[in-house]
């Protein structure tokens, strides 16, 4: 699989993106939907929310880069909506399907984004501006962070450690 990018700035991010794409499936391996909703009596984000949030983030970035689409659970995550107590989230299998759908589309967009687009500045939220390049940097960081949180949940719930293939 090629990692040749239009912008030299993007090569290392595409390499990390590819790792995260595979790690997503590894970290979710064998986790039951019941366990994926278990917060162990805390207010922490459960695995299902983290999974849906990661998927939504990929769709958001894809949209920003000109790829149309949204996940079926869009309304549960739009506008960076946090975890909702008592909400019934889709199954991990549904999020995996969405991940499989958006990931190649976003990867293609990351390969083809140019420096002019990367340098464009937008308002991420009121009073906070950043370039598209800075936002991509944040997304790649957050993916690693959320996958790490799910890896910790695996161990706390009694599953074996995540496999790095």
Foldseek 3Di string as FASTA:
>chain_A
DDLAAQAPLLSVLLVLLVLLLVLLCLLCPPDFQVLQCDPVPDPDHGNLQLLQQLLQLLQVLLVLLPHDDGAPCCVCQPPNDDDDPPDDGDGSVSSNVSSVVRSVSSSVSSRYDHPVQQQDWDAPDVPDIDGSVVVSVVSSVVSVVSSVVSQVSCVVSPHDGGDSD
